[in-house]
N, C-alpha and C. Protein backbone atom coordinates (compact mmCIF):
# COMPACT_ATOMS: atom_id res chain seq x y z
N MET A 1 -24.17 -36.96 29.34
CA MET A 1 -23.63 -37.48 28.08
C MET A 1 -24.25 -36.79 26.86
N ARG A 2 -25.58 -36.71 26.89
CA ARG A 2 -26.29 -36.11 25.79
C ARG A 2 -25.93 -34.61 25.65
N LYS A 3 -25.75 -33.94 26.79
CA LYS A 3 -25.40 -32.54 26.80
C LYS A 3 -24.01 -32.32 26.18
N LYS A 4 -23.08 -33.21 26.42
CA LYS A 4 -21.71 -33.12 25.87
C LYS A 4 -21.74 -33.29 24.35
N VAL A 5 -22.58 -34.17 23.83
CA VAL A 5 -22.68 -34.38 22.40
C VAL A 5 -23.25 -33.13 21.73
N ILE A 6 -24.27 -32.54 22.32
CA ILE A 6 -24.87 -31.33 21.75
C ILE A 6 -23.86 -30.18 21.76
N ILE A 7 -23.12 -30.03 22.85
CA ILE A 7 -22.11 -28.97 22.92
C ILE A 7 -21.02 -29.24 21.88
N GLY A 8 -20.59 -30.51 21.71
CA GLY A 8 -19.59 -30.85 20.70
C GLY A 8 -20.07 -30.50 19.29
N ILE A 9 -21.32 -30.81 18.99
CA ILE A 9 -21.87 -30.49 17.67
C ILE A 9 -21.95 -28.99 17.45
N LEU A 10 -22.34 -28.24 18.48
CA LEU A 10 -22.40 -26.76 18.36
C LEU A 10 -21.01 -26.18 18.13
N ILE A 11 -20.00 -26.72 18.79
CA ILE A 11 -18.63 -26.25 18.61
C ILE A 11 -18.17 -26.49 17.17
N VAL A 12 -18.46 -27.68 16.63
CA VAL A 12 -18.09 -28.00 15.26
C VAL A 12 -18.82 -27.05 14.27
N ILE A 13 -20.11 -26.76 14.51
CA ILE A 13 -20.85 -25.88 13.67
C ILE A 13 -20.28 -24.45 13.71
N VAL A 14 -19.92 -23.98 14.89
CA VAL A 14 -19.35 -22.63 15.01
C VAL A 14 -18.00 -22.55 14.31
N ILE A 15 -17.14 -23.54 14.50
CA ILE A 15 -15.84 -23.55 13.84
C ILE A 15 -16.03 -23.61 12.34
N GLY A 16 -16.93 -24.46 11.85
CA GLY A 16 -17.20 -24.54 10.41
C GLY A 16 -17.73 -23.23 9.86
N GLY A 17 -18.57 -22.54 10.64
CA GLY A 17 -19.09 -21.25 10.20
C GLY A 17 -17.99 -20.20 10.10
N ILE A 18 -17.07 -20.19 11.05
CA ILE A 18 -15.94 -19.25 11.02
C ILE A 18 -15.06 -19.52 9.81
N ILE A 19 -14.76 -20.77 9.55
CA ILE A 19 -13.92 -21.11 8.38
C ILE A 19 -14.62 -20.74 7.10
N ALA A 20 -15.90 -21.02 6.98
CA ALA A 20 -16.68 -20.68 5.76
C ALA A 20 -16.69 -19.18 5.55
N TYR A 21 -16.88 -18.40 6.61
CA TYR A 21 -16.93 -16.95 6.50
C TYR A 21 -15.57 -16.41 6.02
N ARG A 22 -14.50 -16.92 6.57
CA ARG A 22 -13.16 -16.46 6.15
C ARG A 22 -12.90 -16.77 4.69
N MET A 23 -13.31 -17.95 4.24
CA MET A 23 -13.11 -18.31 2.83
C MET A 23 -13.97 -17.40 1.93
N TYR A 24 -15.17 -17.13 2.35
CA TYR A 24 -16.08 -16.27 1.56
C TYR A 24 -15.57 -14.84 1.52
N ASP A 25 -15.07 -14.36 2.63
CA ASP A 25 -14.64 -12.96 2.76
C ASP A 25 -13.23 -12.71 2.22
N GLU A 26 -12.53 -13.76 1.80
CA GLU A 26 -11.16 -13.60 1.34
C GLU A 26 -11.10 -12.69 0.13
N ARG A 27 -10.20 -11.77 0.14
CA ARG A 27 -10.05 -10.77 -0.91
C ARG A 27 -9.12 -11.31 -2.03
N THR A 28 -9.43 -10.88 -3.24
CA THR A 28 -8.54 -11.19 -4.35
C THR A 28 -7.33 -10.28 -4.27
N PRO A 29 -6.11 -10.82 -4.41
CA PRO A 29 -4.94 -9.98 -4.31
C PRO A 29 -4.87 -8.99 -5.47
N ASP A 30 -4.29 -7.84 -5.24
CA ASP A 30 -4.11 -6.83 -6.27
C ASP A 30 -2.86 -7.17 -7.09
N ILE A 31 -3.04 -7.84 -8.21
CA ILE A 31 -1.97 -8.33 -9.04
C ILE A 31 -1.12 -7.18 -9.60
N VAL A 32 -1.70 -6.04 -9.84
CA VAL A 32 -1.00 -4.91 -10.45
C VAL A 32 0.14 -4.42 -9.56
N ASN A 33 -0.03 -4.54 -8.26
CA ASN A 33 0.99 -4.05 -7.33
C ASN A 33 1.91 -5.14 -6.80
N THR A 34 1.90 -6.30 -7.45
CA THR A 34 2.82 -7.37 -7.06
C THR A 34 3.98 -7.41 -8.06
N ARG A 35 4.96 -8.20 -7.74
CA ARG A 35 6.12 -8.38 -8.63
C ARG A 35 5.70 -9.33 -9.77
N PRO A 36 5.92 -8.93 -11.02
CA PRO A 36 5.50 -9.79 -12.14
C PRO A 36 6.41 -11.01 -12.27
N ASP A 37 5.83 -12.11 -12.78
CA ASP A 37 6.61 -13.31 -13.07
C ASP A 37 7.45 -13.11 -14.33
N ILE A 38 6.88 -12.36 -15.28
CA ILE A 38 7.52 -12.14 -16.58
C ILE A 38 7.31 -10.70 -17.01
N ILE A 39 8.38 -10.08 -17.53
CA ILE A 39 8.30 -8.74 -18.11
C ILE A 39 8.61 -8.86 -19.59
N THR A 40 7.72 -8.38 -20.46
CA THR A 40 7.90 -8.54 -21.90
C THR A 40 7.24 -7.37 -22.63
N ASP A 41 7.34 -7.43 -23.96
CA ASP A 41 6.63 -6.47 -24.78
C ASP A 41 5.67 -7.22 -25.70
N VAL A 42 4.78 -6.51 -26.33
CA VAL A 42 3.75 -7.11 -27.16
C VAL A 42 4.35 -7.95 -28.29
N LYS A 43 5.36 -7.41 -28.98
CA LYS A 43 5.95 -8.14 -30.12
C LYS A 43 6.55 -9.47 -29.68
N SER A 44 7.27 -9.48 -28.58
CA SER A 44 7.90 -10.72 -28.08
C SER A 44 6.84 -11.72 -27.65
N LEU A 45 5.76 -11.23 -27.01
CA LEU A 45 4.70 -12.10 -26.56
C LEU A 45 4.01 -12.78 -27.74
N PHE A 46 3.70 -12.02 -28.79
CA PHE A 46 3.10 -12.62 -29.98
C PHE A 46 4.05 -13.60 -30.65
N ALA A 47 5.32 -13.24 -30.75
CA ALA A 47 6.31 -14.10 -31.39
C ALA A 47 6.40 -15.45 -30.67
N SER A 48 6.36 -15.40 -29.35
CA SER A 48 6.42 -16.65 -28.56
C SER A 48 5.27 -17.57 -28.92
N PHE A 49 4.06 -17.04 -29.01
CA PHE A 49 2.91 -17.88 -29.30
C PHE A 49 2.90 -18.33 -30.76
N GLU A 50 3.42 -17.53 -31.67
CA GLU A 50 3.43 -17.92 -33.07
C GLU A 50 4.51 -18.97 -33.36
N GLN A 51 5.65 -18.90 -32.68
CA GLN A 51 6.74 -19.83 -32.93
C GLN A 51 6.48 -21.19 -32.33
N ASP A 52 6.07 -21.25 -31.04
CA ASP A 52 5.88 -22.52 -30.36
C ASP A 52 4.77 -22.33 -29.33
N THR A 53 3.55 -22.63 -29.74
CA THR A 53 2.40 -22.38 -28.90
C THR A 53 2.45 -23.17 -27.58
N ALA A 54 2.82 -24.43 -27.64
CA ALA A 54 2.87 -25.26 -26.43
C ALA A 54 3.85 -24.71 -25.41
N SER A 55 5.00 -24.29 -25.88
CA SER A 55 6.01 -23.73 -24.98
C SER A 55 5.52 -22.40 -24.39
N ALA A 56 4.89 -21.58 -25.24
CA ALA A 56 4.39 -20.28 -24.77
C ALA A 56 3.29 -20.47 -23.74
N VAL A 57 2.43 -21.45 -23.92
CA VAL A 57 1.37 -21.72 -22.95
C VAL A 57 1.99 -22.07 -21.59
N ARG A 58 2.99 -22.93 -21.60
CA ARG A 58 3.67 -23.31 -20.35
C ARG A 58 4.33 -22.10 -19.71
N LYS A 59 4.93 -21.23 -20.52
CA LYS A 59 5.67 -20.11 -20.01
C LYS A 59 4.77 -18.98 -19.47
N TYR A 60 3.67 -18.66 -20.15
CA TYR A 60 2.88 -17.48 -19.84
C TYR A 60 1.56 -17.74 -19.14
N LEU A 61 0.88 -18.83 -19.47
CA LEU A 61 -0.46 -19.04 -18.94
C LEU A 61 -0.46 -19.15 -17.41
N ASP A 62 -1.37 -18.43 -16.80
CA ASP A 62 -1.54 -18.36 -15.34
C ASP A 62 -0.36 -17.73 -14.61
N LYS A 63 0.38 -16.89 -15.32
CA LYS A 63 1.49 -16.13 -14.74
C LYS A 63 1.14 -14.64 -14.73
N VAL A 64 1.72 -13.92 -13.80
CA VAL A 64 1.55 -12.47 -13.78
C VAL A 64 2.55 -11.86 -14.76
N ILE A 65 2.02 -11.14 -15.74
CA ILE A 65 2.85 -10.62 -16.84
C ILE A 65 2.75 -9.10 -16.87
N GLU A 66 3.91 -8.47 -17.01
CA GLU A 66 3.96 -7.02 -17.25
C GLU A 66 4.32 -6.87 -18.73
N VAL A 67 3.40 -6.30 -19.50
CA VAL A 67 3.57 -6.19 -20.95
C VAL A 67 3.50 -4.73 -21.38
N THR A 68 4.40 -4.35 -22.28
CA THR A 68 4.43 -2.99 -22.80
C THR A 68 4.11 -3.02 -24.29
N GLY A 69 3.26 -2.10 -24.71
CA GLY A 69 2.90 -2.08 -26.12
C GLY A 69 2.04 -0.87 -26.45
N ASN A 70 1.75 -0.74 -27.74
CA ASN A 70 0.91 0.37 -28.23
C ASN A 70 -0.56 0.10 -27.87
N VAL A 71 -1.25 1.13 -27.46
CA VAL A 71 -2.66 1.03 -27.13
C VAL A 71 -3.45 1.14 -28.44
N LYS A 72 -4.08 0.00 -28.84
CA LYS A 72 -4.90 -0.03 -30.06
C LYS A 72 -6.28 0.58 -29.81
N SER A 73 -6.87 0.23 -28.70
CA SER A 73 -8.19 0.77 -28.36
C SER A 73 -8.43 0.69 -26.88
N ILE A 74 -9.44 1.44 -26.43
CA ILE A 74 -9.80 1.47 -25.04
C ILE A 74 -11.31 1.29 -24.94
N ASP A 75 -11.72 0.32 -24.15
CA ASP A 75 -13.14 0.11 -23.86
C ASP A 75 -13.35 0.62 -22.43
N THR A 76 -14.02 1.73 -22.26
CA THR A 76 -14.15 2.35 -20.95
C THR A 76 -14.96 1.50 -19.97
N SER A 77 -15.55 0.41 -20.41
CA SER A 77 -16.27 -0.48 -19.51
C SER A 77 -15.34 -1.47 -18.83
N GLY A 78 -14.05 -1.43 -19.18
CA GLY A 78 -13.12 -2.29 -18.45
C GLY A 78 -12.08 -3.05 -19.22
N ALA A 79 -11.65 -2.55 -20.41
CA ALA A 79 -10.62 -3.26 -21.16
C ALA A 79 -9.73 -2.28 -21.93
N ILE A 80 -8.47 -2.60 -21.98
CA ILE A 80 -7.50 -1.87 -22.80
C ILE A 80 -6.90 -2.90 -23.73
N ILE A 81 -6.87 -2.59 -25.03
CA ILE A 81 -6.33 -3.52 -26.04
C ILE A 81 -4.98 -3.01 -26.52
N LEU A 82 -3.96 -3.85 -26.39
CA LEU A 82 -2.62 -3.52 -26.83
C LEU A 82 -2.30 -4.30 -28.11
N GLY A 83 -1.47 -3.74 -28.95
CA GLY A 83 -1.04 -4.44 -30.14
C GLY A 83 -0.46 -3.49 -31.17
N GLU A 84 0.10 -4.06 -32.20
CA GLU A 84 0.67 -3.27 -33.29
C GLU A 84 -0.45 -2.97 -34.29
N ASN A 85 -0.42 -1.77 -34.84
CA ASN A 85 -1.48 -1.36 -35.77
C ASN A 85 -1.49 -2.17 -37.06
N ASP A 86 -0.33 -2.71 -37.45
CA ASP A 86 -0.26 -3.43 -38.74
C ASP A 86 -0.58 -4.92 -38.60
N THR A 87 -1.00 -5.40 -37.42
CA THR A 87 -1.36 -6.83 -37.26
C THR A 87 -2.74 -6.93 -36.64
N GLU A 88 -3.32 -8.10 -36.82
CA GLU A 88 -4.63 -8.41 -36.24
C GLU A 88 -4.50 -8.93 -34.80
N SER A 89 -3.29 -9.27 -34.37
CA SER A 89 -3.06 -9.79 -33.03
C SER A 89 -3.25 -8.70 -31.99
N SER A 90 -3.75 -9.12 -30.80
CA SER A 90 -3.95 -8.15 -29.75
C SER A 90 -3.86 -8.80 -28.37
N VAL A 91 -3.53 -7.98 -27.40
CA VAL A 91 -3.55 -8.38 -26.01
C VAL A 91 -4.72 -7.65 -25.38
N VAL A 92 -5.72 -8.37 -24.94
CA VAL A 92 -6.90 -7.79 -24.33
C VAL A 92 -6.71 -7.80 -22.82
N CYS A 93 -6.64 -6.62 -22.22
CA CYS A 93 -6.36 -6.49 -20.79
C CYS A 93 -7.65 -6.10 -20.06
N GLY A 94 -8.25 -7.09 -19.43
CA GLY A 94 -9.45 -6.85 -18.63
C GLY A 94 -9.05 -6.24 -17.30
N LEU A 95 -9.54 -5.04 -17.03
CA LEU A 95 -9.12 -4.31 -15.83
C LEU A 95 -9.77 -4.88 -14.57
N ASP A 96 -8.97 -4.94 -13.52
CA ASP A 96 -9.43 -5.34 -12.18
C ASP A 96 -10.39 -4.26 -11.68
N ARG A 97 -11.33 -4.64 -10.85
CA ARG A 97 -12.32 -3.67 -10.36
C ARG A 97 -11.68 -2.51 -9.62
N ARG A 98 -10.49 -2.72 -9.01
CA ARG A 98 -9.80 -1.65 -8.31
C ARG A 98 -9.10 -0.70 -9.28
N HIS A 99 -8.98 -1.11 -10.55
CA HIS A 99 -8.23 -0.32 -11.53
C HIS A 99 -9.13 0.05 -12.74
N MET A 100 -10.43 0.13 -12.51
CA MET A 100 -11.36 0.43 -13.60
C MET A 100 -11.14 1.79 -14.23
N ASN A 101 -10.58 2.73 -13.50
CA ASN A 101 -10.34 4.07 -14.04
C ASN A 101 -8.97 4.22 -14.66
N ASP A 102 -8.19 3.15 -14.72
CA ASP A 102 -6.84 3.22 -15.29
C ASP A 102 -6.85 3.61 -16.76
N HIS A 103 -7.97 3.36 -17.45
CA HIS A 103 -8.05 3.71 -18.87
C HIS A 103 -7.86 5.22 -19.06
N GLN A 104 -8.08 6.00 -18.01
CA GLN A 104 -7.90 7.45 -18.12
C GLN A 104 -6.44 7.85 -18.17
N ASN A 105 -5.54 6.94 -17.78
CA ASN A 105 -4.11 7.21 -17.76
C ASN A 105 -3.42 6.93 -19.08
N VAL A 106 -4.14 6.40 -20.05
CA VAL A 106 -3.53 6.09 -21.36
C VAL A 106 -4.40 6.65 -22.48
N LYS A 107 -3.79 6.79 -23.64
CA LYS A 107 -4.49 7.28 -24.82
C LYS A 107 -4.24 6.30 -25.97
N VAL A 108 -5.19 6.19 -26.88
CA VAL A 108 -5.03 5.35 -28.06
C VAL A 108 -3.83 5.89 -28.85
N GLY A 109 -2.92 4.99 -29.24
CA GLY A 109 -1.73 5.37 -29.99
C GLY A 109 -0.52 5.56 -29.09
N SER A 110 -0.72 5.63 -27.79
CA SER A 110 0.42 5.81 -26.87
C SER A 110 0.97 4.45 -26.47
N VAL A 111 2.09 4.44 -25.81
CA VAL A 111 2.68 3.21 -25.31
C VAL A 111 2.32 3.10 -23.84
N ALA A 112 1.86 1.92 -23.43
CA ALA A 112 1.45 1.68 -22.06
C ALA A 112 2.06 0.40 -21.53
N THR A 113 2.29 0.36 -20.23
CA THR A 113 2.73 -0.85 -19.56
C THR A 113 1.60 -1.32 -18.66
N ILE A 114 1.14 -2.54 -18.92
CA ILE A 114 0.00 -3.08 -18.20
C ILE A 114 0.40 -4.42 -17.58
N GLN A 115 -0.08 -4.65 -16.37
CA GLN A 115 0.23 -5.91 -15.68
C GLN A 115 -1.05 -6.64 -15.31
N GLY A 116 -1.06 -7.93 -15.56
CA GLY A 116 -2.21 -8.78 -15.23
C GLY A 116 -1.84 -10.22 -15.33
N ARG A 117 -2.82 -11.08 -15.03
CA ARG A 117 -2.61 -12.52 -15.12
C ARG A 117 -3.05 -13.03 -16.50
N CYS A 118 -2.16 -13.75 -17.16
CA CYS A 118 -2.46 -14.32 -18.48
C CYS A 118 -3.42 -15.48 -18.27
N THR A 119 -4.67 -15.33 -18.73
CA THR A 119 -5.65 -16.35 -18.45
C THR A 119 -6.03 -17.16 -19.69
N SER A 120 -5.77 -16.66 -20.88
CA SER A 120 -6.11 -17.45 -22.07
C SER A 120 -5.48 -16.85 -23.31
N TYR A 121 -5.51 -17.63 -24.37
CA TYR A 121 -5.06 -17.15 -25.67
C TYR A 121 -5.89 -17.86 -26.71
N GLU A 122 -6.01 -17.25 -27.87
CA GLU A 122 -6.71 -17.87 -28.99
C GLU A 122 -5.94 -17.53 -30.25
N LYS A 123 -5.50 -18.56 -30.91
CA LYS A 123 -4.78 -18.33 -32.16
C LYS A 123 -5.81 -18.29 -33.29
N GLY A 124 -5.77 -17.20 -34.03
CA GLY A 124 -6.75 -16.98 -35.09
C GLY A 124 -6.54 -17.93 -36.25
N GLU A 125 -7.61 -18.20 -36.95
CA GLU A 125 -7.59 -19.05 -38.13
C GLU A 125 -6.91 -18.30 -39.28
N GLU A 126 -6.56 -19.04 -40.29
CA GLU A 126 -6.00 -18.43 -41.49
C GLU A 126 -7.03 -18.59 -42.59
N MET A 127 -7.47 -17.44 -43.13
CA MET A 127 -8.48 -17.47 -44.19
C MET A 127 -7.93 -16.78 -45.44
N LEU A 128 -7.95 -17.47 -46.54
CA LEU A 128 -7.50 -16.94 -47.82
C LEU A 128 -6.06 -16.44 -47.72
N GLY A 129 -5.24 -17.16 -46.96
CA GLY A 129 -3.83 -16.80 -46.82
C GLY A 129 -3.55 -15.65 -45.87
N VAL A 130 -4.60 -15.14 -45.20
CA VAL A 130 -4.43 -14.03 -44.25
C VAL A 130 -4.71 -14.53 -42.85
N SER A 131 -3.77 -14.32 -41.93
CA SER A 131 -3.95 -14.73 -40.53
C SER A 131 -4.86 -13.75 -39.81
N LEU A 132 -5.77 -14.29 -39.00
CA LEU A 132 -6.66 -13.44 -38.23
C LEU A 132 -6.05 -13.04 -36.89
N GLY A 133 -4.80 -13.40 -36.69
CA GLY A 133 -4.06 -12.95 -35.50
C GLY A 133 -4.28 -13.80 -34.26
N THR A 134 -3.53 -13.47 -33.25
CA THR A 134 -3.59 -14.14 -31.96
C THR A 134 -4.17 -13.17 -30.94
N THR A 135 -5.04 -13.67 -30.09
CA THR A 135 -5.59 -12.87 -29.02
C THR A 135 -5.14 -13.47 -27.71
N ILE A 136 -4.50 -12.64 -26.87
CA ILE A 136 -4.03 -13.06 -25.56
C ILE A 136 -4.79 -12.25 -24.53
N GLN A 137 -5.30 -12.96 -23.55
CA GLN A 137 -6.15 -12.32 -22.52
C GLN A 137 -5.40 -12.16 -21.22
N LEU A 138 -5.33 -10.94 -20.70
CA LEU A 138 -4.82 -10.65 -19.37
C LEU A 138 -6.01 -10.24 -18.51
N SER A 139 -6.18 -10.91 -17.38
CA SER A 139 -7.28 -10.57 -16.48
C SER A 139 -6.71 -9.97 -15.20
N PHE A 140 -7.58 -9.33 -14.45
CA PHE A 140 -7.23 -8.67 -13.18
C PHE A 140 -6.10 -7.65 -13.41
N ALA A 141 -6.14 -6.95 -14.54
CA ALA A 141 -5.04 -6.10 -14.98
C ALA A 141 -5.23 -4.65 -14.54
N GLY A 142 -4.14 -3.89 -14.69
CA GLY A 142 -4.14 -2.46 -14.42
C GLY A 142 -2.94 -1.83 -15.06
N VAL A 143 -2.98 -0.53 -15.25
CA VAL A 143 -1.87 0.22 -15.84
C VAL A 143 -0.85 0.44 -14.75
N LYS A 144 0.41 0.11 -15.09
CA LYS A 144 1.53 0.34 -14.14
C LYS A 144 1.79 1.84 -14.07
N GLN A 145 2.24 2.29 -12.94
CA GLN A 145 2.48 3.73 -12.72
C GLN A 145 3.59 4.28 -13.59
N ASN A 146 4.52 3.42 -13.97
CA ASN A 146 5.67 3.87 -14.77
C ASN A 146 5.44 3.82 -16.28
N SER A 147 4.16 3.71 -16.70
CA SER A 147 3.88 3.61 -18.13
C SER A 147 4.10 4.95 -18.82
N ASN A 148 4.41 4.86 -20.10
CA ASN A 148 4.59 6.08 -20.90
C ASN A 148 3.22 6.60 -21.31
N LYS A 149 3.06 7.91 -21.26
CA LYS A 149 1.76 8.50 -21.63
C LYS A 149 1.88 9.27 -22.90
């Protein structure tokens, strides 16, 4: 009887260990190579958040978005910033570790198509009648192969 209990406990421990290892070893999917939930451009994305923030949050937040826009700046440590030069608003695209070298495929001032998961937004304050813009964050992002260079 005692031997059966010990064997039962060992079986439960082994099964638990296998499940824990599989959960730990699970890979993050490559969002850049999946089908996007939404395809848009920078101007439309900003307009959505400026017109009705609550609706835009429901529509875009935690969705895979393919966005096309002008490259405002490139941070070679892992971010590409899209936006119009005449506004303070920007889409900050944090590159996925598998796409860290994608910044080499685009140039500041060019048009790029980037895909990632919309993880947050921050609507800028208005100071002295001037809007500080909206910042939209895309995480796990990468440059799509069909982007304009």
